[in-house]
Amino acid sequence: MIKQLKTAKPLMNRAEKRQIKLDAILRHAATAFMEKGYYKTSLDDIARLHEVTKPTLYYYIKNKEDILIKCEEVASRRINGLLDQVMAAEGDGFTRLKKFIIGYVTIVTDDIIRCHIRHRGQREDPAAKDASLTMHRGIEHRVRAIIRQGIDDGSIRDCNSTIIAILLFDALNGISAWYREEGDLNPEELVEQVLSFVTQGVKN
């Protein structure tokens, strides 16, 4: 009788292990920032939550502001990755916009992204502020392009793509401030309600 060999899980390299540990630190920091506020939270608080010493944190982050920068890097990768998928998929502009909204709602309910949205204006380094603004403008321009595609192909009514994009982000980013997984509204219902209001309005 031939024994079946168990398939060994691929070993993670050093960079992957480091990223997992960094993500855990960012999540603990996000929890602390949202509970106490950015300015009232110290690295000592984050170290206690993560159950490590403060010097250990410095192996992964430079300072408290670097946490916000790294949270933004995560946000940029996920949002631009979503947009890459949306743009690669077939469909008219309205279909693509719906796919973006569905994916974005999931993204903004993640603690790391929620932390980024709520604290992105608390940068002190001018270069970091400029980089943040450039990143967000790039994402907004990509969404505006989807809306313009929908206008051109007739799936979205003629409108100002800039205004619609700004209103859309204001509404979707606002979810990060009030949505809680332990609440009465589950993720599927949240997506359904958001899509209904964005695509149909409140007209009965």
Protein backbone atom coordinates (compact mmCIF):
# COMPACT_ATOMS: atom_id res chain seq x y z
CA MET A 1 0.00 0.00 0.00
CA ILE A 2 1.44 3.33 -1.06
CA LYS A 3 1.35 6.00 1.60
CA GLN A 4 0.22 9.43 0.55
CA LEU A 5 2.84 12.07 1.19
CA LYS A 6 1.70 15.25 2.84
CA THR A 7 2.35 18.32 0.75
CA ALA A 8 4.71 20.57 2.65
CA LYS A 9 3.68 24.19 2.97
CA PRO A 10 6.14 26.54 1.27
CA LEU A 11 8.42 28.22 3.75
CA MET A 12 8.08 31.97 4.06
CA ASN A 13 11.14 34.05 3.28
CA ARG A 14 12.44 36.76 5.58
CA ALA A 15 10.59 39.57 3.80
CA GLU A 16 7.25 37.76 4.09
CA LYS A 17 7.78 37.05 7.79
CA ARG A 18 8.70 40.68 8.37
CA GLN A 19 5.58 41.87 6.53
CA ILE A 20 3.33 39.66 8.67
CA LYS A 21 4.88 41.07 11.85
CA LEU A 22 4.62 44.62 10.52
CA ASP A 23 0.92 44.10 9.68
CA ALA A 24 0.29 42.93 13.24
CA ILE A 25 2.00 46.04 14.63
CA LEU A 26 -0.04 48.28 12.32
CA ARG A 27 -3.27 46.63 13.48
CA HIS A 28 -2.39 47.12 17.15
CA ALA A 29 -1.45 50.72 16.42
CA ALA A 30 -4.70 51.27 14.50
CA THR A 31 -6.67 49.95 17.48
CA ALA A 32 -4.85 52.27 19.85
CA PHE A 33 -5.21 55.32 17.57
CA MET A 34 -8.95 54.77 17.15
CA GLU A 35 -9.52 54.27 20.88
CA LYS A 36 -7.29 57.02 22.31
CA GLY A 37 -6.54 59.22 19.32
CA TYR A 38 -3.28 59.62 17.42
CA TYR A 39 -1.73 62.31 19.62
CA LYS A 40 -2.67 60.66 22.92
CA THR A 41 -1.21 57.30 21.90
CA SER A 42 2.47 56.65 22.56
CA LEU A 43 4.78 54.00 21.17
CA ASP A 44 4.85 52.55 24.68
CA ASP A 45 1.06 52.02 24.40
CA ILE A 46 1.50 50.22 21.08
CA ALA A 47 4.35 48.10 22.43
CA ARG A 48 2.16 46.99 25.33
CA LEU A 49 -0.68 46.06 23.00
CA HIS A 50 1.71 44.12 20.79
CA GLU A 51 3.38 42.57 23.86
CA VAL A 52 6.88 43.55 22.79
CA THR A 53 9.48 46.00 24.02
CA LYS A 54 9.64 49.50 22.58
CA PRO A 55 13.10 48.85 21.00
CA THR A 56 11.53 45.92 19.10
CA LEU A 57 9.08 48.33 17.45
CA TYR A 58 11.97 50.36 16.05
CA TYR A 59 13.04 47.31 14.05
CA TYR A 60 9.84 47.73 12.00
CA ILE A 61 8.97 51.45 12.27
CA LYS A 62 10.95 54.68 12.55
CA ASN A 63 8.51 56.62 14.73
CA LYS A 64 4.81 57.13 15.31
CA GLU A 65 4.31 59.07 12.08
CA ASP A 66 5.92 56.21 10.17
CA ILE A 67 2.97 54.06 11.26
CA LEU A 68 0.62 56.39 9.36
CA ILE A 69 2.91 56.27 6.33
CA LYS A 70 2.96 52.46 6.35
CA CYS A 71 -0.83 52.31 6.81
CA GLU A 72 -1.12 54.53 3.74
CA GLU A 73 1.20 52.24 1.78
CA VAL A 74 -1.10 49.33 2.58
CA ALA A 75 -4.12 51.41 1.52
CA SER A 76 -2.45 52.42 -1.75
CA ARG A 77 -1.57 48.82 -2.65
CA ARG A 78 -5.05 47.52 -1.92
CA ILE A 79 -7.02 50.32 -3.60
CA ASN A 80 -4.83 50.46 -6.71
CA GLY A 81 -4.87 46.65 -6.84
CA LEU A 82 -8.66 46.76 -6.78
CA LEU A 83 -8.68 49.35 -9.57
CA ASP A 84 -6.33 47.18 -11.64
CA GLN A 85 -8.79 44.28 -11.33
CA VAL A 86 -11.77 46.49 -12.13
CA MET A 87 -10.13 47.96 -15.23
CA ALA A 88 -9.02 44.53 -16.46
CA ALA A 89 -12.56 43.14 -16.19
CA GLU A 90 -15.03 43.36 -19.05
CA GLY A 91 -18.05 45.61 -18.81
CA ASP A 92 -19.29 49.14 -19.29
CA GLY A 93 -18.39 52.06 -17.03
CA PHE A 94 -21.38 51.57 -14.73
CA THR A 95 -20.54 47.87 -14.22
CA ARG A 96 -16.95 48.75 -13.42
CA LEU A 97 -18.00 51.49 -11.01
CA LYS A 98 -20.24 49.00 -9.17
CA LYS A 99 -17.36 46.51 -8.90
CA PHE A 100 -15.13 49.23 -7.50
CA ILE A 101 -17.73 50.24 -4.90
CA ILE A 102 -18.22 46.62 -3.78
CA GLY A 103 -14.47 46.13 -3.36
CA TYR A 104 -13.89 49.52 -1.76
CA VAL A 105 -16.53 48.97 0.93
CA THR A 106 -14.65 45.84 1.99
CA ILE A 107 -11.35 47.71 2.03
CA VAL A 108 -12.51 50.67 4.17
CA THR A 109 -13.86 48.38 6.90
CA ASP A 110 -10.36 46.96 7.51
CA ASP A 111 -8.73 48.43 10.64
CA ILE A 112 -5.47 49.43 8.92
CA ILE A 113 -7.31 51.29 6.14
CA ARG A 114 -9.75 52.77 8.64
CA CYS A 115 -6.81 54.13 10.62
CA HIS A 116 -5.31 55.62 7.47
CA ILE A 117 -8.53 57.37 6.47
CA ARG A 118 -9.14 58.84 9.92
CA HIS A 119 -5.58 60.07 10.50
CA ARG A 120 -4.16 60.86 7.08
CA GLY A 121 -4.38 64.60 7.76
CA GLN A 122 -2.12 64.36 10.79
CA ARG A 123 1.15 64.34 8.90
CA GLU A 124 3.91 66.72 9.93
CA ASP A 125 6.60 65.90 7.38
CA PRO A 126 6.02 68.05 4.24
CA ALA A 127 7.38 65.34 1.92
CA ALA A 128 5.00 62.77 3.43
CA LYS A 129 2.09 65.19 3.00
CA ASP A 130 2.96 65.75 -0.67
CA ALA A 131 3.32 62.02 -1.31
CA SER A 132 -0.04 61.36 0.35
CA LEU A 133 -1.77 64.02 -1.75
CA THR A 134 -0.24 62.64 -4.96
CA MET A 135 -1.38 59.11 -4.11
CA HIS A 136 -4.95 60.15 -3.39
CA ARG A 137 -5.16 62.31 -6.51
CA GLY A 138 -3.97 59.35 -8.57
CA ILE A 139 -6.72 57.12 -7.18
CA GLU A 140 -9.37 59.78 -7.68
CA HIS A 141 -8.28 60.30 -11.30
CA ARG A 142 -8.61 56.56 -11.97
CA VAL A 143 -12.16 56.51 -10.60
CA ARG A 144 -13.03 59.62 -12.60
CA ALA A 145 -11.82 57.78 -15.71
CA ILE A 146 -14.27 54.94 -14.96
CA ILE A 147 -17.12 57.44 -14.57
CA ARG A 148 -16.18 59.17 -17.83
CA GLN A 149 -16.13 55.80 -19.57
CA GLY A 150 -19.67 55.21 -18.33
CA ILE A 151 -20.76 58.63 -19.58
CA ASP A 152 -19.23 57.92 -22.99
CA ASP A 153 -20.81 54.47 -23.34
CA GLY A 154 -24.19 55.67 -22.02
CA SER A 155 -24.29 53.49 -18.89
CA ILE A 156 -23.90 56.55 -16.63
CA ARG A 157 -25.92 59.72 -17.14
CA ASP A 158 -24.12 62.85 -18.26
CA CYS A 159 -22.60 64.44 -15.16
CA ASN A 160 -19.47 66.07 -13.77
CA SER A 161 -17.09 63.16 -13.10
CA THR A 162 -15.04 65.18 -10.60
CA ILE A 163 -18.04 66.03 -8.42
CA ILE A 164 -19.35 62.46 -8.53
CA ALA A 165 -15.93 61.02 -7.62
CA ILE A 166 -15.51 63.41 -4.67
CA LEU A 167 -19.02 62.71 -3.36
CA LEU A 168 -18.46 58.98 -3.79
CA PHE A 169 -15.22 58.97 -1.79
CA ASP A 170 -16.71 61.19 0.91
CA ALA A 171 -19.60 58.76 1.32
CA LEU A 172 -17.53 55.56 1.18
CA ASN A 173 -14.71 56.83 3.41
CA GLY A 174 -17.33 57.88 5.95
CA ILE A 175 -18.15 54.19 6.46
CA SER A 176 -14.80 53.78 8.21
CA ALA A 177 -15.97 56.10 11.00
CA TRP A 178 -19.20 54.38 11.94
CA TYR A 179 -19.24 50.77 10.71
CA ARG A 180 -18.50 48.03 13.24
CA GLU A 181 -18.36 44.31 12.47
CA GLU A 182 -20.13 43.52 15.74
CA GLY A 183 -23.07 45.77 14.78
CA ASP A 184 -26.45 44.73 13.37
CA LEU A 185 -25.47 45.39 9.75
CA ASN A 186 -23.42 42.57 8.21
CA PRO A 187 -20.95 43.22 5.36
CA GLU A 188 -23.28 41.89 2.66
CA GLU A 189 -26.13 44.15 3.79
CA LEU A 190 -23.75 47.10 3.98
CA VAL A 191 -22.63 46.61 0.36
CA GLU A 192 -26.23 46.15 -0.79
CA GLN A 193 -27.40 49.36 0.91
CA VAL A 194 -24.47 51.42 -0.37
CA LEU A 195 -24.95 50.17 -3.94
CA SER A 196 -28.66 50.89 -3.76
CA PHE A 197 -28.18 54.51 -2.66
CA VAL A 198 -25.28 55.23 -5.00
CA THR A 199 -26.83 53.68 -8.10
CA GLN A 200 -30.52 54.51 -7.53
CA GLY A 201 -30.57 57.38 -5.06
CA VAL A 202 -33.36 57.67 -2.52
CA LYS A 203 -36.20 58.04 -5.02
CA ASN A 204 -38.97 55.48 -4.41
